[in-house]
Every structure is written in C-alpha cells, then in structure tokens.
Amino acid sequence: MLTIKTYIAASKISGLGLMAGEFIAKGDTVWKFQDGFDTVISLEKFQLMPPIAQEYILHYGYCNEKEGGHILCGDSARYTNHSTTPNIRAVGELIAVAIEDINIGDEITEDYFNFDELAQSKLNTHGN
C-alpha cells in the first residue's frame, strides 16, 4: 500500500497517473506490500480466473514469481506509470522507495522492468 499522500490526475505519459500529494524525500518508502490490503494471486489461481479478471490483473498488477505470482495493489498505486527515468524503485521484495526527491504534483513513476516479469508484454499491449 502507498505510504505517502497521492492523488490521481491526467498523465503526460499515459492516461491517468499517480501524483505526489506531499513532498517525498529521496530514500523515503513510497509503497510496501500490506497483507490483507494488497493481494498475491498465485500463478495457478490466476490461470483459473475468467479472462476479464486476468486482463484486469495484467493491466493493474504486476507479476513476479519470487514474490508469489501476481501482485495487485489495493489502492491507487496501480496508476503508477512506467518510465525509463523513474523516480521510485523496487528494492528487495515488496517495497519501493524514492530514488530522488519528488515534489508535490510530480508524477510518481517506476521502471516496470525492475520488478514485473511481464513488463514487455504489458508495454506492448497498453503502450505506457
């Protein structure tokens, strides 16, 4: 779950994006998996879901077998867009920190290739 204040607004990258609702200092934790709030869906359970559910999870979640399969955030973190020059980064498992200072109103971005095993297909399908 997000550990900082955010809001959703139009993105210069793609569609809607996650914006900083407060100043975030370099090194601050931005997101951390919260059991009972965020969801881990095993690859086996994912395969049993209806196609419409799979499509939603593929669009708004990410896949990392080391972390248990598909991870679906329970909050607006799902609006974090991909960037090759991100301002947050996954560190270890199930945590993301700011890698530079982020000002109020800045879009929060992450390099999907750092943590999402299906990033290439996601970017090809959704274009962000």
C-alpha atoms as a PDB file:
ATOM      1  CA  MET A   1       0.000   0.000   0.000  1.00  0.00           C
ATOM      2  CA  LEU A   2       1.093   3.538  -0.572  1.00  0.00           C
ATOM      3  CA  THR A   3       2.803   5.048   2.451  1.00  0.00           C
ATOM      4  CA  ILE A   4       2.590   8.636   1.223  1.00  0.00           C
ATOM      5  CA  LYS A   5      -0.224  11.006   0.170  1.00  0.00           C
ATOM      6  CA  THR A   6      -1.083  10.833  -3.514  1.00  0.00           C
ATOM      7  CA  TYR A   7      -3.832  11.694  -5.977  1.00  0.00           C
ATOM      8  CA  ILE A   8      -4.781  10.620  -9.497  1.00  0.00           C
ATOM      9  CA  ALA A   9      -4.595  13.087 -12.396  1.00  0.00           C
ATOM     10  CA  ALA A  10      -4.008  13.203 -16.152  1.00  0.00           C
ATOM     11  CA  SER A  11      -0.558  11.876 -17.003  1.00  0.00           C
ATOM     12  CA  LYS A  12       1.853  13.222 -19.610  1.00  0.00           C
ATOM     13  CA  ILE A  13       2.979   9.599 -20.036  1.00  0.00           C
ATOM     14  CA  SER A  14      -0.271   7.677 -20.477  1.00  0.00           C
ATOM     15  CA  GLY A  15      -3.880   8.167 -19.409  1.00  0.00           C
ATOM     16  CA  LEU A  16      -4.036   8.694 -15.668  1.00  0.00           C
ATOM     17  CA  GLY A  17      -1.058   8.798 -13.359  1.00  0.00           C
ATOM     18  CA  LEU A  18      -0.173   8.738  -9.685  1.00  0.00           C
ATOM     19  CA  MET A  19       0.828  12.190  -8.414  1.00  0.00           C
ATOM     20  CA  ALA A  20       2.629  13.128  -5.218  1.00  0.00           C
ATOM     21  CA  GLY A  21       0.270  14.744  -2.721  1.00  0.00           C
ATOM     22  CA  GLU A  22       3.173  15.686  -0.467  1.00  0.00           C
ATOM     23  CA  PHE A  23       6.924  16.199  -0.736  1.00  0.00           C
ATOM     24  CA  ILE A  24       8.736  12.833  -0.804  1.00  0.00           C
ATOM     25  CA  ALA A  25      12.426  12.828   0.094  1.00  0.00           C
ATOM     26  CA  LYS A  26      14.937  10.573  -1.639  1.00  0.00           C
ATOM     27  CA  GLY A  27      15.041   7.282   0.279  1.00  0.00           C
ATOM     28  CA  ASP A  28      11.503   7.525   1.667  1.00  0.00           C
ATOM     29  CA  THR A  29       9.396   4.379   1.392  1.00  0.00           C
ATOM     30  CA  VAL A  30       6.635   5.039  -1.138  1.00  0.00           C
ATOM     31  CA  TRP A  31       4.956   1.618  -1.292  1.00  0.00           C
ATOM     32  CA  LYS A  32       5.107  -1.514   0.814  1.00  0.00           C
ATOM     33  CA  PHE A  33       3.084  -4.690   0.436  1.00  0.00           C
ATOM     34  CA  GLN A  34       0.419  -4.841   3.150  1.00  0.00           C
ATOM     35  CA  ASP A  35      -1.035  -8.295   3.689  1.00  0.00           C
ATOM     36  CA  GLY A  36      -4.822  -8.161   3.853  1.00  0.00           C
ATOM     37  CA  PHE A  37      -4.886  -4.964   1.793  1.00  0.00           C
ATOM     38  CA  ASP A  38      -2.747  -5.836  -1.221  1.00  0.00           C
ATOM     39  CA  THR A  39      -3.214  -9.248  -2.833  1.00  0.00           C
ATOM     40  CA  VAL A  40      -0.898 -12.007  -4.034  1.00  0.00           C
ATOM     41  CA  ILE A  41      -2.507 -14.245  -6.641  1.00  0.00           C
ATOM     42  CA  SER A  42      -0.601 -17.438  -7.364  1.00  0.00           C
ATOM     43  CA  LEU A  43       0.098 -18.277 -10.992  1.00  0.00           C
ATOM     44  CA  GLU A  44      -2.139 -21.335 -10.604  1.00  0.00           C
ATOM     45  CA  LYS A  45      -5.108 -19.318  -9.252  1.00  0.00           C
ATOM     46  CA  PHE A  46      -4.580 -16.696 -11.942  1.00  0.00           C
ATOM     47  CA  GLN A  47      -4.935 -19.350 -14.674  1.00  0.00           C
ATOM     48  CA  LEU A  48      -8.314 -20.414 -13.207  1.00  0.00           C
ATOM     49  CA  MET A  49      -9.776 -16.898 -13.288  1.00  0.00           C
ATOM     50  CA  PRO A  50     -12.121 -15.679 -16.016  1.00  0.00           C
ATOM     51  CA  PRO A  51     -10.397 -13.826 -18.882  1.00  0.00           C
ATOM     52  CA  ILE A  52     -11.850 -10.446 -17.827  1.00  0.00           C
ATOM     53  CA  ALA A  53     -10.307 -10.824 -14.344  1.00  0.00           C
ATOM     54  CA  GLN A  54      -6.976 -11.887 -15.843  1.00  0.00           C
ATOM     55  CA  GLU A  55      -6.991  -8.836 -18.114  1.00  0.00           C
ATOM     56  CA  TYR A  56      -7.608  -6.512 -15.140  1.00  0.00           C
ATOM     57  CA  ILE A  57      -4.792  -8.096 -13.120  1.00  0.00           C
ATOM     58  CA  LEU A  58      -2.384  -7.938 -16.061  1.00  0.00           C
ATOM     59  CA  HIS A  59      -3.174  -4.249 -16.602  1.00  0.00           C
ATOM     60  CA  TYR A  60      -3.248  -3.020 -12.995  1.00  0.00           C
ATOM     61  CA  GLY A  61      -0.981  -5.525 -11.259  1.00  0.00           C
ATOM     62  CA  TYR A  62       2.425  -6.977 -11.862  1.00  0.00           C
ATOM     63  CA  CYS A  63       3.909 -10.458 -11.988  1.00  0.00           C
ATOM     64  CA  ASN A  64       6.914 -11.623 -10.001  1.00  0.00           C
ATOM     65  CA  GLU A  65       7.245 -15.332  -9.211  1.00  0.00           C
ATOM     66  CA  LYS A  66       9.741 -14.634  -6.433  1.00  0.00           C
ATOM     67  CA  GLU A  67       7.064 -12.536  -4.708  1.00  0.00           C
ATOM     68  CA  GLY A  68       4.418 -15.246  -5.126  1.00  0.00           C
ATOM     69  CA  GLY A  69       2.866 -14.615  -8.541  1.00  0.00           C
ATOM     70  CA  HIS A  70       0.664 -11.677  -9.498  1.00  0.00           C
ATOM     71  CA  ILE A  71       0.595  -8.730  -7.103  1.00  0.00           C
ATOM     72  CA  LEU A  72      -2.468  -6.489  -7.129  1.00  0.00           C
ATOM     73  CA  CYS A  73      -2.322  -3.263  -5.137  1.00  0.00           C
ATOM     74  CA  GLY A  74      -5.384  -2.406  -3.066  1.00  0.00           C
ATOM     75  CA  ASP A  75      -5.023   1.335  -3.622  1.00  0.00           C
ATOM     76  CA  SER A  76      -4.091   3.893  -6.265  1.00  0.00           C
ATOM     77  CA  ALA A  77      -0.548   2.518  -6.664  1.00  0.00           C
ATOM     78  CA  ARG A  78      -1.943   0.744  -9.723  1.00  0.00           C
ATOM     79  CA  TYR A  79      -1.810   4.115 -11.519  1.00  0.00           C
ATOM     80  CA  THR A  80       1.991   4.283 -11.332  1.00  0.00           C
ATOM     81  CA  ASN A  81       3.163   4.616 -14.932  1.00  0.00           C
ATOM     82  CA  HIS A  82       6.317   3.181 -16.463  1.00  0.00           C
ATOM     83  CA  SER A  83       9.327   5.369 -17.142  1.00  0.00           C
ATOM     84  CA  THR A  84      12.903   4.707 -18.214  1.00  0.00           C
ATOM     85  CA  THR A  85      13.819   7.602 -15.896  1.00  0.00           C
ATOM     86  CA  PRO A  86      11.711   6.700 -12.841  1.00  0.00           C
ATOM     87  CA  ASN A  87      11.635   8.488  -9.501  1.00  0.00           C
ATOM     88  CA  ILE A  88      10.865   5.372  -7.418  1.00  0.00           C
ATOM     89  CA  ARG A  89      12.384   1.905  -7.491  1.00  0.00           C
ATOM     90  CA  ALA A  90      11.573  -1.506  -6.080  1.00  0.00           C
ATOM     91  CA  VAL A  91      14.186  -2.513  -3.516  1.00  0.00           C
ATOM     92  CA  GLY A  92      14.242  -6.030  -2.156  1.00  0.00           C
ATOM     93  CA  GLU A  93      10.891  -7.716  -2.294  1.00  0.00           C
ATOM     94  CA  LEU A  94       7.568  -5.924  -1.974  1.00  0.00           C
ATOM     95  CA  ILE A  95       8.842  -2.431  -1.214  1.00  0.00           C
ATOM     96  CA  ALA A  96       9.524   0.694  -3.299  1.00  0.00           C
ATOM     97  CA  VAL A  97      11.439   3.829  -2.334  1.00  0.00           C
ATOM     98  CA  ALA A  98      12.009   7.272  -3.822  1.00  0.00           C
ATOM     99  CA  ILE A  99      15.317   7.409  -5.695  1.00  0.00           C
ATOM    100  CA  GLU A 100      15.191  11.201  -5.900  1.00  0.00           C
ATOM    101  CA  ASP A 101      13.250  13.993  -4.214  1.00  0.00           C
ATOM    102  CA  ILE A 102       9.674  14.154  -5.530  1.00  0.00           C
ATOM    103  CA  ASN A 103       7.747  17.426  -5.281  1.00  0.00           C
ATOM    104  CA  ILE A 104       4.024  17.856  -4.726  1.00  0.00           C
ATOM    105  CA  GLY A 105       2.267  17.423  -8.071  1.00  0.00           C
ATOM    106  CA  ASP A 106       5.069  15.398  -9.699  1.00  0.00           C
ATOM    107  CA  GLU A 107       4.040  12.134 -11.306  1.00  0.00           C
ATOM    108  CA  ILE A 108       5.368   9.081  -9.481  1.00  0.00           C
ATOM    109  CA  THR A 109       6.925   6.678 -11.983  1.00  0.00           C
ATOM    110  CA  GLU A 110       8.714   3.350 -11.910  1.00  0.00           C
ATOM    111  CA  ASP A 111      10.680   1.231 -14.371  1.00  0.00           C
ATOM    112  CA  TYR A 112       8.442  -1.832 -14.791  1.00  0.00           C
ATOM    113  CA  PHE A 113      11.419  -3.880 -15.981  1.00  0.00           C
ATOM    114  CA  ASN A 114      12.885  -3.692 -12.475  1.00  0.00           C
ATOM    115  CA  PHE A 115      10.165  -5.878 -10.930  1.00  0.00           C
ATOM    116  CA  ASP A 116       7.483  -7.012 -13.425  1.00  0.00           C
ATOM    117  CA  GLU A 117       8.313 -10.211 -15.312  1.00  0.00           C
ATOM    118  CA  LEU A 118       5.600  -9.421 -17.877  1.00  0.00           C
ATOM    119  CA  ALA A 119       6.617  -5.780 -18.415  1.00  0.00           C
ATOM    120  CA  GLN A 120       7.449  -6.150 -22.108  1.00  0.00           C
ATOM    121  CA  SER A 121       4.064  -7.622 -22.986  1.00  0.00           C
ATOM    122  CA  LYS A 122       2.309  -5.038 -20.809  1.00  0.00           C
ATOM    123  CA  LEU A 123       4.040  -2.159 -22.563  1.00  0.00           C
ATOM    124  CA  ASN A 124       3.332  -3.670 -25.986  1.00  0.00           C
ATOM    125  CA  THR A 125      -0.366  -4.050 -25.118  1.00  0.00           C
ATOM    126  CA  HIS A 126      -1.037  -0.853 -23.194  1.00  0.00           C
ATOM    127  CA  GLY A 127       1.641   1.466 -24.541  1.00  0.00           C
ATOM    128  CA  ASN A 128       2.842   3.086 -21.325  1.00  0.00           C
END
